[in-house]
Protein backbone atom coordinates (compact mmCIF):
# COMPACT_ATOMS: atom_id res chain seq x y z
CA MET A 1 0.00 -0.02 -0.02
CA ASN A 2 1.60 3.25 -1.20
CA VAL A 3 0.43 6.29 0.79
CA ASP A 4 1.29 9.76 -0.57
CA ILE A 5 0.24 13.38 -0.35
CA LYS A 6 -0.40 15.38 -3.50
CA LYS A 7 -1.04 19.10 -3.63
CA VAL A 8 -4.58 19.94 -4.68
CA SER A 9 -4.67 21.99 -7.92
CA LYS A 10 -7.39 24.54 -8.61
CA THR A 11 -8.79 22.18 -11.26
CA ASN A 12 -9.34 19.54 -8.51
CA ARG A 13 -11.02 21.98 -6.08
CA GLY A 14 -14.41 20.30 -6.72
CA LYS A 15 -13.10 16.95 -5.51
CA LEU A 16 -11.76 18.52 -2.37
CA GLU A 17 -15.14 20.27 -1.76
CA LYS A 18 -16.94 16.90 -2.02
CA LEU A 19 -14.57 15.26 0.52
CA LEU A 20 -14.92 18.33 2.73
CA GLN A 21 -18.65 17.76 2.94
CA LEU A 22 -18.13 14.21 4.18
CA TYR A 23 -15.62 15.52 6.74
CA LEU A 24 -17.91 18.29 8.00
CA HIS A 25 -20.78 15.90 8.34
CA GLU A 26 -18.57 13.62 10.48
CA LEU A 27 -17.28 16.59 12.45
CA SER A 28 -20.80 17.76 13.26
CA TYR A 29 -21.13 14.77 15.55
CA TYR A 30 -18.65 16.42 17.95
CA PHE A 31 -19.74 20.03 17.84
CA PRO A 32 -22.13 22.21 15.75
CA ALA A 33 -21.11 22.78 12.14
CA ASP A 34 -22.61 25.50 9.99
CA TYR A 35 -25.15 23.55 7.89
CA ASP A 36 -27.37 25.14 5.24
CA PRO A 37 -30.68 23.23 4.99
CA ASN A 38 -31.50 24.90 1.71
CA THR A 39 -28.47 23.53 -0.15
CA CYS A 40 -28.00 20.49 2.14
CA THR A 41 -24.38 21.41 2.55
CA TYR A 42 -22.04 22.47 5.32
CA LYS A 43 -20.40 25.89 4.91
CA TYR A 44 -16.60 26.07 4.86
CA ASN A 45 -14.47 28.55 2.92
CA ILE A 46 -11.47 26.83 1.39
CA ASP A 47 -10.26 29.81 -0.63
CA LYS A 48 -7.29 30.36 1.65
CA TYR A 49 -5.95 26.91 0.76
CA PHE A 50 -5.52 28.02 -2.81
CA GLU A 51 -3.72 31.25 -1.80
CA ASP A 52 -1.28 31.36 1.13
CA ASN A 53 -1.95 27.91 2.60
CA TYR A 54 -2.03 24.46 1.22
CA ALA A 55 -4.48 21.64 0.49
CA TYR A 56 -3.19 18.10 -0.14
CA PHE A 57 -4.99 14.95 -1.17
CA ILE A 58 -4.11 11.80 0.69
CA THR A 59 -3.72 8.96 -1.81
CA VAL A 60 -3.33 5.22 -1.52
CA ASP A 61 -1.97 3.61 -4.65
CA ASN A 62 -2.90 6.87 -6.47
CA ASN A 63 -6.52 6.75 -5.34
CA ILE A 64 -7.75 9.83 -3.47
CA CYS A 65 -8.87 8.78 -0.02
CA GLY A 66 -8.74 11.99 2.04
CA PHE A 67 -7.16 15.37 2.52
CA ILE A 68 -4.95 17.52 4.72
CA LEU A 69 -5.42 21.33 5.02
CA LEU A 70 -2.28 23.06 6.10
CA ASP A 71 -2.04 26.60 7.43
CA ASP A 72 1.32 28.30 6.72
CA ASN A 73 1.50 30.77 9.62
CA LYS A 74 4.77 32.17 8.14
CA ASN A 75 8.33 32.04 9.54
CA ASP A 76 8.29 28.23 9.50
CA ASN A 77 5.22 27.93 11.72
CA TYR A 78 2.66 25.38 10.54
CA GLU A 79 -0.67 24.01 11.58
CA ILE A 80 -2.74 21.19 10.21
CA SER A 81 -6.16 22.73 10.35
CA GLU A 82 -8.05 19.72 9.01
CA ILE A 83 -7.31 16.08 8.17
CA PHE A 84 -9.77 13.55 6.85
CA VAL A 85 -9.61 9.90 5.65
CA VAL A 86 -12.72 8.27 4.25
CA ASN A 87 -14.11 5.39 6.28
CA ASN A 88 -13.03 2.68 3.85
CA TYR A 89 -9.38 3.64 4.55
CA LYS A 90 -9.51 4.31 8.29
CA PHE A 91 -7.56 2.37 10.88
CA LYS A 92 -4.86 1.32 8.39
CA LYS A 93 -2.26 3.88 9.47
CA ILE A 94 -2.91 5.91 6.32
CA GLY A 95 -3.53 9.14 8.26
CA GLU A 96 -0.37 8.71 10.27
CA SER A 97 1.69 7.99 7.17
CA ALA A 98 0.26 11.05 5.35
CA VAL A 99 0.79 13.33 8.34
CA THR A 100 4.40 12.12 8.68
CA LYS A 101 5.00 13.00 5.01
CA MET A 102 3.58 16.46 5.68
CA PHE A 103 5.77 16.94 8.71
CA ASN A 104 8.80 15.91 6.69
CA LYS A 105 7.90 18.24 3.84
CA TYR A 106 7.51 21.33 6.06
CA ARG A 107 10.20 21.88 8.72
CA GLY A 108 9.66 24.23 11.63
CA ASN A 109 7.31 24.84 14.52
CA TRP A 110 4.11 22.87 14.52
CA THR A 111 0.75 23.37 16.22
CA ILE A 112 -1.85 20.67 16.01
CA LYS A 113 -5.36 21.07 17.42
CA ALA A 114 -7.40 17.94 17.78
CA VAL A 115 -11.14 17.90 17.01
CA PRO A 116 -12.78 19.05 20.26
CA ASN A 117 -14.72 16.45 22.21
CA SER A 118 -13.31 13.61 20.08
CA PRO A 119 -11.34 10.98 22.02
CA LEU A 120 -10.55 9.28 18.71
CA ALA A 121 -8.98 12.41 17.28
CA GLU A 122 -7.00 13.13 20.44
CA SER A 123 -5.74 9.54 20.53
CA PHE A 124 -4.72 9.71 16.87
CA TRP A 125 -2.72 12.89 17.34
CA THR A 126 -1.12 11.77 20.60
CA LYS A 127 0.07 8.49 19.05
CA THR A 128 1.14 10.06 15.77
CA ILE A 129 3.03 12.98 17.28
CA ASN A 130 4.58 10.79 19.91
CA ASN A 131 5.88 8.42 17.25
CA TYR A 132 7.09 11.15 15.03
CA THR A 133 8.89 13.19 17.76
CA ASN A 134 9.98 10.27 19.99
CA GLY A 135 8.01 11.92 22.78
CA ASN A 136 9.59 15.35 22.24
CA TYR A 137 6.48 17.50 22.17
CA LYS A 138 4.27 19.52 24.46
CA SER A 139 0.51 19.31 24.84
CA ASP A 140 -2.22 21.27 26.53
CA HIS A 141 -6.01 21.34 26.72
CA THR A 142 -7.43 24.80 26.00
CA GLY A 143 -10.52 26.82 25.22
CA LYS A 144 -14.27 26.36 25.48
CA TYR A 145 -14.14 22.69 24.40
CA ASN A 146 -11.02 21.75 26.38
CA ARG A 147 -9.41 20.96 23.07
CA ALA A 148 -6.13 19.02 22.93
CA GLU A 149 -3.33 21.01 21.37
CA PHE A 150 0.16 19.73 20.53
CA TYR A 151 3.37 21.64 19.88
CA PHE A 152 6.73 20.52 18.52
CA ASN A 153 9.62 21.54 16.32
CA ASN A 154 11.06 19.25 13.71
């Protein structure tokens, strides 16, 4: 199984938007998402990922199975704002492999904020970041939702 990350081109924006709808629906389980009952879609502005930030597809054997949205906070400060793997590909270490590739591609200071109220997301990030950094990271729980946040430099 060959896991890779591929930058989303503007011509593939529609594919990203479809995957984003699946992700936002899943996310709405944990906290309210901005849903439009007239269009039956969740609202999310992805414009910034085609300007100063980055959108990547996660692929397995060249088949798109998810995405990573990366915020470039300048001066080598990065944050994965969203990551999603479709259910058919979950629990196969695909997300961890894709995130590791992203960490290796962008060197600097990282901030990761797990989905609030999601033990599964917090567990994924704890395991992934611990494996990547050999335990050399900091974490905290912050904000209204007591969200897990992770910090490290690679």
